[in-house]
Amino acid sequence: QVQLVESGGGLVQAGGSLRLSCIVSGRAFSGYKMGWFRQAPGKEREFVASISRSGGSTNYLDSVKGRFTISRDNAKNTVYLEMNSLKPEDTAVYYCAADLTTTWSSTFPRDGRGVDYWGKGTLVTVSS
């Protein structure tokens, strides 16, 4: 059974930074493309960022480009989301996602449907 455990969320002032981590256990981490999604209160879940199996390809939500960076360490079975210049509208529960693939693509469905595995989420609150 694959398990994803997020950490690193918390309360931060606008303009601040946080680094989220997601540790994956259960199967070969390098076989998964990884992603981060978020869901704000009263809103639909939305794609934030994703990274290919090798780390050579990444995708970002337009509103986080230049502020967020996704990376992975296959030796540590961990994916990261570095978040800088945080805004109140970034407040949400952030979820780690893993999708088994044989390709080098980093593409995820924007609504997260069909993704193989999810973490339980970590709350990020950005105060104004």
N, C-alpha and C. Protein backbone atom coordinates (compact mmCIF):
# COMPACT_ATOMS: atom_id res chain seq x y z
N GLN A 1 0.84 -1.19 0.00
CA GLN A 1 0.00 0.00 0.00
C GLN A 1 0.88 1.24 0.00
N VAL A 2 0.60 2.16 -0.91
CA VAL A 2 1.37 3.41 -1.00
C VAL A 2 0.79 4.42 -0.03
N GLN A 3 1.66 5.08 0.70
CA GLN A 3 1.24 6.13 1.63
C GLN A 3 1.99 7.42 1.34
N LEU A 4 1.26 8.52 1.38
CA LEU A 4 1.83 9.84 1.18
C LEU A 4 1.56 10.65 2.44
N VAL A 5 2.60 11.23 3.00
CA VAL A 5 2.46 12.01 4.23
C VAL A 5 3.07 13.39 4.02
N GLU A 6 2.19 14.41 4.09
CA GLU A 6 2.65 15.79 3.92
C GLU A 6 3.04 16.40 5.26
N SER A 7 3.91 17.39 5.18
CA SER A 7 4.28 18.16 6.37
C SER A 7 4.75 19.53 5.92
N GLY A 8 4.86 20.45 6.88
CA GLY A 8 5.41 21.76 6.57
C GLY A 8 4.41 22.90 6.52
N GLY A 9 3.13 22.57 6.61
CA GLY A 9 2.13 23.62 6.59
C GLY A 9 2.17 24.44 7.88
N GLY A 10 1.43 25.55 7.88
CA GLY A 10 1.38 26.39 9.06
C GLY A 10 0.83 27.75 8.76
N LEU A 11 0.98 28.64 9.72
CA LEU A 11 0.51 30.01 9.59
C LEU A 11 1.69 30.92 9.27
N VAL A 12 1.51 31.74 8.25
CA VAL A 12 2.58 32.64 7.82
C VAL A 12 1.97 33.96 7.39
N GLN A 13 2.71 35.03 7.54
CA GLN A 13 2.23 36.34 7.09
C GLN A 13 2.40 36.46 5.59
N ALA A 14 1.61 37.29 4.99
CA ALA A 14 1.73 37.57 3.57
C ALA A 14 3.15 38.02 3.26
N GLY A 15 3.69 37.50 2.16
CA GLY A 15 5.07 37.79 1.80
C GLY A 15 6.06 36.78 2.33
N GLY A 16 5.60 35.93 3.24
CA GLY A 16 6.48 34.93 3.84
C GLY A 16 6.65 33.69 2.99
N SER A 17 7.35 32.71 3.56
CA SER A 17 7.67 31.49 2.83
C SER A 17 7.37 30.25 3.67
N LEU A 18 7.08 29.18 3.00
CA LEU A 18 6.94 27.87 3.62
C LEU A 18 7.48 26.82 2.66
N ARG A 19 7.92 25.71 3.22
CA ARG A 19 8.35 24.58 2.40
C ARG A 19 7.58 23.34 2.82
N LEU A 20 6.78 22.83 1.88
CA LEU A 20 6.03 21.61 2.12
C LEU A 20 6.85 20.41 1.68
N SER A 21 6.69 19.32 2.41
CA SER A 21 7.34 18.06 2.06
C SER A 21 6.29 16.96 1.99
N CYS A 22 6.56 15.98 1.17
CA CYS A 22 5.67 14.81 1.08
C CYS A 22 6.56 13.58 0.94
N ILE A 23 6.47 12.70 1.92
CA ILE A 23 7.24 11.46 1.89
C ILE A 23 6.34 10.33 1.41
N VAL A 24 6.86 9.56 0.47
CA VAL A 24 6.09 8.46 -0.12
C VAL A 24 6.69 7.13 0.29
N SER A 25 5.84 6.23 0.74
CA SER A 25 6.32 4.91 1.11
C SER A 25 5.46 3.85 0.44
N GLY A 26 6.00 2.66 0.28
CA GLY A 26 5.22 1.55 -0.21
C GLY A 26 5.64 1.02 -1.56
N ARG A 27 6.06 1.87 -2.47
CA ARG A 27 6.52 1.40 -3.77
C ARG A 27 7.61 2.31 -4.29
N ALA A 28 8.24 1.89 -5.37
CA ALA A 28 9.36 2.65 -5.93
C ALA A 28 8.93 4.07 -6.28
N PHE A 29 9.47 5.03 -5.55
CA PHE A 29 9.10 6.43 -5.71
C PHE A 29 9.40 6.93 -7.11
N SER A 30 10.47 6.45 -7.69
CA SER A 30 10.88 6.96 -9.00
C SER A 30 9.93 6.56 -10.11
N GLY A 31 8.97 5.69 -9.83
CA GLY A 31 7.98 5.30 -10.82
C GLY A 31 6.77 6.21 -10.88
N TYR A 32 6.76 7.25 -10.03
CA TYR A 32 5.61 8.14 -9.94
C TYR A 32 5.95 9.55 -10.39
N LYS A 33 5.08 10.14 -11.18
CA LYS A 33 5.11 11.59 -11.29
C LYS A 33 4.36 12.11 -10.07
N MET A 34 4.78 13.27 -9.59
CA MET A 34 4.26 13.80 -8.34
C MET A 34 3.65 15.17 -8.54
N GLY A 35 2.63 15.45 -7.74
CA GLY A 35 1.98 16.74 -7.86
C GLY A 35 1.52 17.29 -6.53
N TRP A 36 1.22 18.57 -6.54
CA TRP A 36 0.61 19.24 -5.39
C TRP A 36 -0.70 19.88 -5.87
N PHE A 37 -1.73 19.68 -5.09
CA PHE A 37 -3.02 20.29 -5.32
C PHE A 37 -3.40 21.06 -4.05
N ARG A 38 -4.40 21.91 -4.16
CA ARG A 38 -4.87 22.61 -2.97
C ARG A 38 -6.38 22.80 -3.05
N GLN A 39 -6.96 22.94 -1.88
CA GLN A 39 -8.40 23.20 -1.81
C GLN A 39 -8.65 24.23 -0.73
N ALA A 40 -9.17 25.36 -1.13
CA ALA A 40 -9.53 26.42 -0.20
C ALA A 40 -10.96 26.20 0.28
N PRO A 41 -11.31 26.75 1.42
CA PRO A 41 -12.68 26.59 1.93
C PRO A 41 -13.72 27.05 0.92
N GLY A 42 -14.67 26.19 0.65
CA GLY A 42 -15.75 26.53 -0.25
C GLY A 42 -15.39 26.51 -1.72
N LYS A 43 -14.20 26.04 -2.04
CA LYS A 43 -13.76 26.02 -3.43
C LYS A 43 -13.42 24.60 -3.87
N GLU A 44 -13.32 24.44 -5.18
CA GLU A 44 -12.94 23.16 -5.73
C GLU A 44 -11.43 22.94 -5.58
N ARG A 45 -11.07 21.69 -5.57
CA ARG A 45 -9.65 21.35 -5.56
C ARG A 45 -9.01 21.84 -6.85
N GLU A 46 -7.79 22.37 -6.76
CA GLU A 46 -7.11 22.85 -7.96
C GLU A 46 -5.66 22.39 -7.98
N PHE A 47 -5.19 22.18 -9.19
CA PHE A 47 -3.81 21.81 -9.42
C PHE A 47 -2.90 22.98 -9.08
N VAL A 48 -1.75 22.68 -8.47
CA VAL A 48 -0.79 23.72 -8.14
C VAL A 48 0.53 23.52 -8.90
N ALA A 49 1.09 22.32 -8.82
CA ALA A 49 2.37 22.07 -9.46
C ALA A 49 2.58 20.57 -9.61
N SER A 50 3.42 20.20 -10.58
CA SER A 50 3.73 18.78 -10.77
C SER A 50 5.14 18.62 -11.30
N ILE A 51 5.66 17.42 -11.14
CA ILE A 51 7.04 17.13 -11.55
C ILE A 51 7.10 15.71 -12.09
N SER A 52 7.89 15.52 -13.12
CA SER A 52 8.02 14.20 -13.74
C SER A 52 8.85 13.26 -12.87
N ARG A 53 8.90 12.00 -13.32
CA ARG A 53 9.62 10.98 -12.56
C ARG A 53 11.07 11.36 -12.32
N SER A 54 11.70 11.93 -13.31
CA SER A 54 13.12 12.27 -13.22
C SER A 54 13.36 13.64 -12.61
N GLY A 55 12.30 14.45 -12.58
CA GLY A 55 12.45 15.83 -12.13
C GLY A 55 12.79 16.78 -13.25
N GLY A 56 12.89 16.26 -14.47
CA GLY A 56 13.30 17.09 -15.59
C GLY A 56 12.20 17.94 -16.19
N SER A 57 10.96 17.68 -15.82
CA SER A 57 9.83 18.44 -16.35
C SER A 57 8.92 18.86 -15.20
N THR A 58 8.48 20.11 -15.23
CA THR A 58 7.58 20.62 -14.20
C THR A 58 6.45 21.42 -14.83
N ASN A 59 5.35 21.52 -14.11
CA ASN A 59 4.22 22.34 -14.52
C ASN A 59 3.72 23.12 -13.31
N TYR A 60 3.17 24.31 -13.58
CA TYR A 60 2.68 25.15 -12.48
C TYR A 60 1.36 25.81 -12.85
N LEU A 61 0.54 26.02 -11.83
CA LEU A 61 -0.61 26.89 -11.96
C LEU A 61 -0.09 28.30 -12.27
N ASP A 62 -0.77 29.00 -13.18
CA ASP A 62 -0.26 30.32 -13.59
C ASP A 62 -0.06 31.26 -12.41
N SER A 63 -0.96 31.22 -11.46
CA SER A 63 -0.91 32.19 -10.36
C SER A 63 0.24 31.94 -9.38
N VAL A 64 0.90 30.79 -9.48
CA VAL A 64 2.03 30.51 -8.57
C VAL A 64 3.37 30.51 -9.29
N LYS A 65 3.34 30.67 -10.60
CA LYS A 65 4.60 30.69 -11.35
C LYS A 65 5.49 31.83 -10.86
N GLY A 66 6.77 31.50 -10.66
CA GLY A 66 7.70 32.50 -10.16
C GLY A 66 7.73 32.61 -8.65
N ARG A 67 6.73 32.03 -7.98
CA ARG A 67 6.68 32.08 -6.51
C ARG A 67 6.89 30.70 -5.89
N PHE A 68 6.37 29.67 -6.54
CA PHE A 68 6.46 28.30 -6.02
C PHE A 68 7.42 27.48 -6.87
N THR A 69 8.11 26.56 -6.22
CA THR A 69 9.02 25.66 -6.92
C THR A 69 8.81 24.24 -6.41
N ILE A 70 8.54 23.33 -7.33
CA ILE A 70 8.41 21.92 -6.98
C ILE A 70 9.73 21.22 -7.28
N SER A 71 10.11 20.30 -6.41
CA SER A 71 11.33 19.53 -6.63
C SER A 71 11.15 18.16 -5.98
N ARG A 72 12.04 17.25 -6.30
CA ARG A 72 11.96 15.92 -5.71
C ARG A 72 13.35 15.38 -5.46
N ASP A 73 13.43 14.50 -4.47
CA ASP A 73 14.66 13.79 -4.16
C ASP A 73 14.33 12.31 -4.18
N ASN A 74 14.65 11.64 -5.26
CA ASN A 74 14.28 10.23 -5.40
C ASN A 74 15.01 9.34 -4.40
N ALA A 75 16.16 9.77 -3.93
CA ALA A 75 16.88 8.99 -2.92
C ALA A 75 16.17 9.03 -1.57
N LYS A 76 15.39 10.08 -1.33
CA LYS A 76 14.68 10.24 -0.06
C LYS A 76 13.18 10.00 -0.19
N ASN A 77 12.73 9.59 -1.38
CA ASN A 77 11.30 9.34 -1.61
C ASN A 77 10.45 10.55 -1.22
N THR A 78 10.93 11.72 -1.54
CA THR A 78 10.29 12.95 -1.07
C THR A 78 10.13 13.95 -2.21
N VAL A 79 8.98 14.62 -2.20
CA VAL A 79 8.73 15.73 -3.10
C VAL A 79 8.50 16.97 -2.24
N TYR A 80 8.95 18.11 -2.75
CA TYR A 80 8.88 19.36 -2.01
C TYR A 80 8.10 20.41 -2.79
N LEU A 81 7.55 21.36 -2.06
CA LEU A 81 6.96 22.54 -2.67
C LEU A 81 7.45 23.75 -1.89
N GLU A 82 8.36 24.48 -2.49
CA GLU A 82 8.89 25.70 -1.89
C GLU A 82 7.96 26.83 -2.29
N MET A 83 7.41 27.52 -1.29
CA MET A 83 6.43 28.57 -1.55
C MET A 83 6.96 29.89 -1.00
N ASN A 84 7.16 30.84 -1.89
CA ASN A 84 7.66 32.16 -1.51
C ASN A 84 6.64 33.23 -1.87
N SER A 85 6.82 34.41 -1.30
CA SER A 85 5.92 35.54 -1.57
C SER A 85 4.47 35.12 -1.42
N LEU A 86 4.18 34.44 -0.35
CA LEU A 86 2.83 33.92 -0.14
C LEU A 86 1.80 35.02 -0.02
N LYS A 87 0.61 34.73 -0.52
CA LYS A 87 -0.51 35.67 -0.52
C LYS A 87 -1.68 35.06 0.25
N PRO A 88 -2.56 35.88 0.77
CA PRO A 88 -3.73 35.33 1.48
C PRO A 88 -4.53 34.36 0.61
N GLU A 89 -4.56 34.58 -0.68
CA GLU A 89 -5.31 33.68 -1.57
C GLU A 89 -4.64 32.32 -1.75
N ASP A 90 -3.44 32.15 -1.22
CA ASP A 90 -2.80 30.83 -1.23
C ASP A 90 -3.27 29.96 -0.06
N THR A 91 -4.05 30.53 0.82
CA THR A 91 -4.57 29.78 1.96
C THR A 91 -5.42 28.61 1.49
N ALA A 92 -5.06 27.41 1.93
CA ALA A 92 -5.76 26.20 1.51
C ALA A 92 -5.15 24.99 2.23
N VAL A 93 -5.82 23.88 2.09
CA VAL A 93 -5.21 22.60 2.44
C VAL A 93 -4.47 22.12 1.19
N TYR A 94 -3.21 21.80 1.36
CA TYR A 94 -2.37 21.35 0.25
C TYR A 94 -2.21 19.85 0.31
N TYR A 95 -2.47 19.22 -0.84
CA TYR A 95 -2.42 17.76 -0.93
C TYR A 95 -1.33 17.32 -1.88
N CYS A 96 -0.63 16.30 -1.47
CA CYS A 96 0.37 15.65 -2.31
C CYS A 96 -0.32 14.55 -3.12
N ALA A 97 0.09 14.38 -4.37
CA ALA A 97 -0.51 13.37 -5.24
C ALA A 97 0.58 12.59 -5.96
N ALA A 98 0.34 11.31 -6.14
CA ALA A 98 1.28 10.44 -6.84
C ALA A 98 0.54 9.67 -7.92
N ASP A 99 1.11 9.66 -9.11
CA ASP A 99 0.49 8.97 -10.23
C ASP A 99 1.53 8.07 -10.89
N LEU A 100 1.24 6.77 -10.88
CA LEU A 100 2.18 5.81 -11.47
C LEU A 100 2.22 6.00 -12.97
N THR A 101 3.41 6.03 -13.54
CA THR A 101 3.55 6.26 -14.98
C THR A 101 4.83 5.64 -15.50
N THR A 102 4.81 5.31 -16.78
CA THR A 102 6.01 4.82 -17.45
C THR A 102 6.61 5.90 -18.35
N THR A 103 5.95 7.05 -18.39
CA THR A 103 6.43 8.14 -19.26
C THR A 103 7.26 9.15 -18.46
N TRP A 104 7.78 10.14 -19.17
CA TRP A 104 8.55 11.22 -18.55
C TRP A 104 7.72 12.49 -18.43
N SER A 105 6.41 12.36 -18.62
CA SER A 105 5.53 13.51 -18.52
C SER A 105 5.32 13.94 -17.08
N SER A 106 5.07 15.24 -16.91
CA SER A 106 4.73 15.77 -15.59
C SER A 106 3.27 16.22 -15.54
N THR A 107 2.53 15.92 -16.59
CA THR A 107 1.15 16.40 -16.69
C THR A 107 0.21 15.65 -15.75
N PHE A 108 -0.61 16.41 -15.04
CA PHE A 108 -1.66 15.86 -14.20
C PHE A 108 -3.00 16.41 -14.67
N PRO A 109 -4.08 15.66 -14.50
CA PRO A 109 -5.40 16.26 -14.77
C PRO A 109 -5.61 17.44 -13.83
N ARG A 110 -6.08 18.54 -14.34
CA ARG A 110 -6.19 19.76 -13.54
C ARG A 110 -7.16 19.61 -12.37
N ASP A 111 -8.11 18.70 -12.49
CA ASP A 111 -9.03 18.50 -11.38
C ASP A 111 -8.62 17.33 -10.49
N GLY A 112 -7.54 16.69 -10.81
CA GLY A 112 -7.02 15.61 -9.99
C GLY A 112 -7.74 14.28 -10.15
N ARG A 113 -8.69 14.21 -11.05
CA ARG A 113 -9.44 12.96 -11.21
C ARG A 113 -8.56 11.87 -11.80
N GLY A 114 -8.67 10.69 -11.23
CA GLY A 114 -7.93 9.54 -11.72
C GLY A 114 -6.53 9.39 -11.15
N VAL A 115 -6.13 10.34 -10.32
CA VAL A 115 -4.79 10.23 -9.71
C VAL A 115 -4.76 9.01 -8.79
N ASP A 116 -3.63 8.31 -8.80
CA ASP A 116 -3.56 7.04 -8.09
C ASP A 116 -3.62 7.17 -6.57
N TYR A 117 -2.83 8.08 -6.02
CA TYR A 117 -2.72 8.17 -4.56
C TYR A 117 -2.70 9.62 -4.10
N TRP A 118 -3.24 9.81 -2.90
CA TRP A 118 -3.31 11.14 -2.29
C TRP A 118 -2.84 11.08 -0.84
N GLY A 119 -2.26 12.19 -0.41
CA GLY A 119 -2.00 12.35 1.02
C GLY A 119 -3.22 12.93 1.69
N LYS A 120 -3.14 13.12 3.00
CA LYS A 120 -4.27 13.62 3.76
C LYS A 120 -4.29 15.14 3.83
N GLY A 121 -3.22 15.78 3.42
CA GLY A 121 -3.21 17.23 3.35
C GLY A 121 -2.53 17.91 4.51
N THR A 122 -2.05 19.11 4.23
CA THR A 122 -1.46 19.96 5.27
C THR A 122 -1.98 21.38 5.05
N LEU A 123 -2.38 22.03 6.14
CA LEU A 123 -3.03 23.33 6.04
C LEU A 123 -2.00 24.45 5.98
N VAL A 124 -2.19 25.31 5.00
CA VAL A 124 -1.38 26.53 4.87
C VAL A 124 -2.32 27.72 5.03
N THR A 125 -1.99 28.58 5.99
CA THR A 125 -2.80 29.77 6.23
C THR A 125 -1.89 30.99 6.10
N VAL A 126 -2.29 31.90 5.20
CA VAL A 126 -1.51 33.11 4.97
C VAL A 126 -2.33 34.30 5.46
N SER A 127 -1.82 35.00 6.44
CA SER A 127 -2.53 36.14 7.00
C SER A 127 -2.11 37.42 6.30
N SER A 128 -3.07 38.35 6.22
CA SER A 128 -2.78 39.61 5.52
C SER A 128 -2.23 40.66 6.47
